[in-house]
Amino acid sequence: MKISSRWGTTTISLIFITLGITLYIVSLNFPNPAGTTMGPGYMPRLLSSGLIIFALVNLITAWLKPDTVEELPEIKLFVISIVLSLIYAWVIAYFNYYLSTFLLLLIMFLVLNKKEDKRRACLEDVLYAVPITIFIYLVFGLLLDVF
């Protein structure tokens, strides 16, 4: 499947800008701490602001350079990633955040890992998913006290 790089980049940039604005607005409802300490809304606001800025830069860059037609190599993997992300967003409301995050990471790594040795690939995927989940727990659970 072929797609115009300018229109593909424009579409994705607008999606990320919308997502960033939505996340920023949602983070405004997080509780504000007393005094000058950072609250649970600090990191989501910072990340959503960065997302908006980088998406705007990407959008402007796409329209300043010449348009080309690109081949989309793995459209199935892209669709699978989107579907898994939507399922994750739904499941996270009903299950433990950390378990849901670990399972999403593990499944995404398993789907995207193209190595021939499947046993080694599964072990690597677990070894990637566990520390990332632990890092998320340390930052958001202990440090920022979000979850």
Protein backbone atom coordinates (compact mmCIF):
# COMPACT_ATOMS: atom_id res chain seq x y z
CA MET A 1 0.00 0.00 0.00
CA LYS A 2 1.36 3.41 -0.96
CA ILE A 3 0.70 6.70 0.78
CA SER A 4 1.75 10.31 0.35
CA SER A 5 4.36 11.16 2.98
CA ARG A 6 2.94 14.66 3.40
CA TRP A 7 -0.65 13.54 3.97
CA GLY A 8 0.35 10.55 6.09
CA THR A 9 2.50 12.76 8.32
CA THR A 10 -0.23 15.39 8.49
CA THR A 11 -2.80 12.81 9.57
CA ILE A 12 -0.59 11.29 12.25
CA SER A 13 0.52 14.72 13.51
CA LEU A 14 -3.08 15.89 13.86
CA ILE A 15 -3.94 12.70 15.75
CA PHE A 16 -1.04 13.29 18.16
CA ILE A 17 -1.94 16.97 18.60
CA THR A 18 -5.52 15.98 19.45
CA LEU A 19 -4.28 13.29 21.83
CA GLY A 20 -1.90 15.75 23.49
CA ILE A 21 -4.60 18.38 23.97
CA THR A 22 -7.00 15.76 25.36
CA LEU A 23 -4.40 14.44 27.81
CA TYR A 24 -3.52 17.95 28.92
CA ILE A 25 -7.17 18.79 29.59
CA VAL A 26 -7.67 15.53 31.51
CA SER A 27 -4.57 16.21 33.62
CA LEU A 28 -6.05 19.53 34.73
CA ASN A 29 -8.55 17.54 36.83
CA PHE A 30 -5.79 15.83 38.83
CA PRO A 31 -5.56 16.98 42.47
CA ASN A 32 -3.29 19.94 43.17
CA PRO A 33 -0.87 19.61 46.09
CA ALA A 34 -0.47 22.21 48.79
CA GLY A 35 2.52 24.51 48.55
CA THR A 36 5.11 24.34 45.83
CA THR A 37 5.40 20.56 45.46
CA MET A 38 4.74 18.88 42.14
CA GLY A 39 1.50 16.95 42.02
CA PRO A 40 0.29 14.01 39.98
CA GLY A 41 -0.67 16.29 37.08
CA TYR A 42 2.87 17.59 36.52
CA MET A 43 4.26 14.71 34.46
CA PRO A 44 1.18 14.20 32.25
CA ARG A 45 1.10 17.94 31.49
CA LEU A 46 4.79 17.95 30.67
CA LEU A 47 4.53 14.89 28.42
CA SER A 48 1.37 16.09 26.66
CA SER A 49 2.95 19.51 26.06
CA GLY A 50 6.00 17.80 24.55
CA LEU A 51 3.74 15.63 22.40
CA ILE A 52 1.92 18.69 21.07
CA ILE A 53 5.16 20.58 20.37
CA PHE A 54 6.85 17.68 18.56
CA ALA A 55 3.71 16.92 16.54
CA LEU A 56 3.51 20.57 15.47
CA VAL A 57 7.19 20.53 14.44
CA ASN A 58 6.57 17.30 12.51
CA LEU A 59 3.52 18.83 10.81
CA ILE A 60 5.40 21.96 9.77
CA THR A 61 8.36 19.93 8.53
CA ALA A 62 6.08 17.72 6.43
CA TRP A 63 4.72 20.74 4.58
CA LEU A 64 8.11 22.42 4.08
CA LYS A 65 9.81 19.50 2.33
CA PRO A 66 8.81 17.99 -1.03
CA ASP A 67 6.08 15.34 -1.04
CA THR A 68 7.00 11.73 -1.82
CA VAL A 69 5.04 8.50 -2.09
CA GLU A 70 6.05 5.86 0.46
CA GLU A 71 5.33 2.15 0.70
CA LEU A 72 3.79 0.99 4.00
CA PRO A 73 5.69 -2.23 4.69
CA GLU A 74 3.82 -3.87 7.57
CA ILE A 75 0.27 -2.54 7.67
CA LYS A 76 -0.90 -5.61 9.63
CA LEU A 77 1.54 -4.87 12.46
CA PHE A 78 0.35 -1.28 12.57
CA VAL A 79 -3.30 -2.36 12.80
CA ILE A 80 -2.47 -4.95 15.47
CA SER A 81 -0.64 -2.28 17.51
CA ILE A 82 -3.60 0.10 17.31
CA VAL A 83 -6.10 -2.64 18.26
CA LEU A 84 -3.94 -3.77 21.22
CA SER A 85 -3.62 -0.17 22.40
CA LEU A 86 -7.38 0.31 22.28
CA ILE A 87 -7.93 -2.95 24.17
CA TYR A 88 -5.37 -1.80 26.74
CA ALA A 89 -7.19 1.51 27.21
CA TRP A 90 -10.41 -0.42 27.86
CA VAL A 91 -8.86 -3.14 30.09
CA ILE A 92 -6.96 -0.69 32.27
CA ALA A 93 -10.23 0.50 33.81
CA TYR A 94 -11.11 -3.00 35.03
CA PHE A 95 -7.76 -4.55 36.00
CA ASN A 96 -4.63 -3.57 37.84
CA TYR A 97 -2.71 -0.87 35.98
CA TYR A 98 0.68 -2.54 36.32
CA LEU A 99 -0.56 -5.98 35.28
CA SER A 100 -2.34 -4.48 32.26
CA THR A 101 0.77 -2.53 31.30
CA PHE A 102 3.02 -5.57 31.65
CA LEU A 103 0.68 -7.69 29.51
CA LEU A 104 0.40 -5.00 26.83
CA LEU A 105 4.18 -4.63 26.65
CA LEU A 106 4.73 -8.37 26.56
CA ILE A 107 2.13 -8.97 23.84
CA MET A 108 3.43 -6.04 21.76
CA PHE A 109 6.99 -7.29 22.05
CA LEU A 110 5.90 -10.82 21.11
CA VAL A 111 4.01 -9.57 18.07
CA LEU A 112 6.75 -7.24 16.87
CA ASN A 113 9.74 -9.50 17.56
CA LYS A 114 10.75 -11.10 14.24
CA LYS A 115 13.61 -13.29 15.47
CA GLU A 116 13.86 -16.85 14.21
CA ASP A 117 14.56 -18.42 17.63
CA LYS A 118 11.12 -18.04 19.25
CA ARG A 119 12.21 -19.33 22.70
CA ARG A 120 14.97 -16.76 22.90
CA ALA A 121 12.64 -14.07 21.56
CA CYS A 122 10.05 -14.83 24.27
CA LEU A 123 12.72 -14.68 26.98
CA GLU A 124 13.99 -11.35 25.63
CA ASP A 125 10.47 -9.98 25.49
CA VAL A 126 9.87 -10.86 29.15
CA LEU A 127 13.25 -9.38 30.07
CA TYR A 128 12.24 -6.13 28.34
CA ALA A 129 8.68 -5.94 29.68
CA VAL A 130 9.56 -6.57 33.35
CA PRO A 131 12.07 -3.71 33.83
CA ILE A 132 9.90 -1.26 31.90
CA THR A 133 6.92 -2.11 34.12
CA ILE A 134 9.09 -1.81 37.24
CA PHE A 135 10.36 1.58 36.02
CA ILE A 136 6.78 2.77 35.47
CA TYR A 137 5.88 1.57 38.97
CA LEU A 138 8.87 3.35 40.53
CA VAL A 139 8.25 6.64 38.73
CA PHE A 140 4.45 6.85 38.80
CA GLY A 141 3.63 4.65 41.79
CA LEU A 142 6.32 5.59 44.28
CA LEU A 143 7.88 8.84 43.12
CA LEU A 144 4.84 10.72 41.80
CA ASP A 145 2.21 8.74 43.77
CA VAL A 146 -0.19 8.61 40.79
CA PHE A 147 -1.31 4.99 41.09
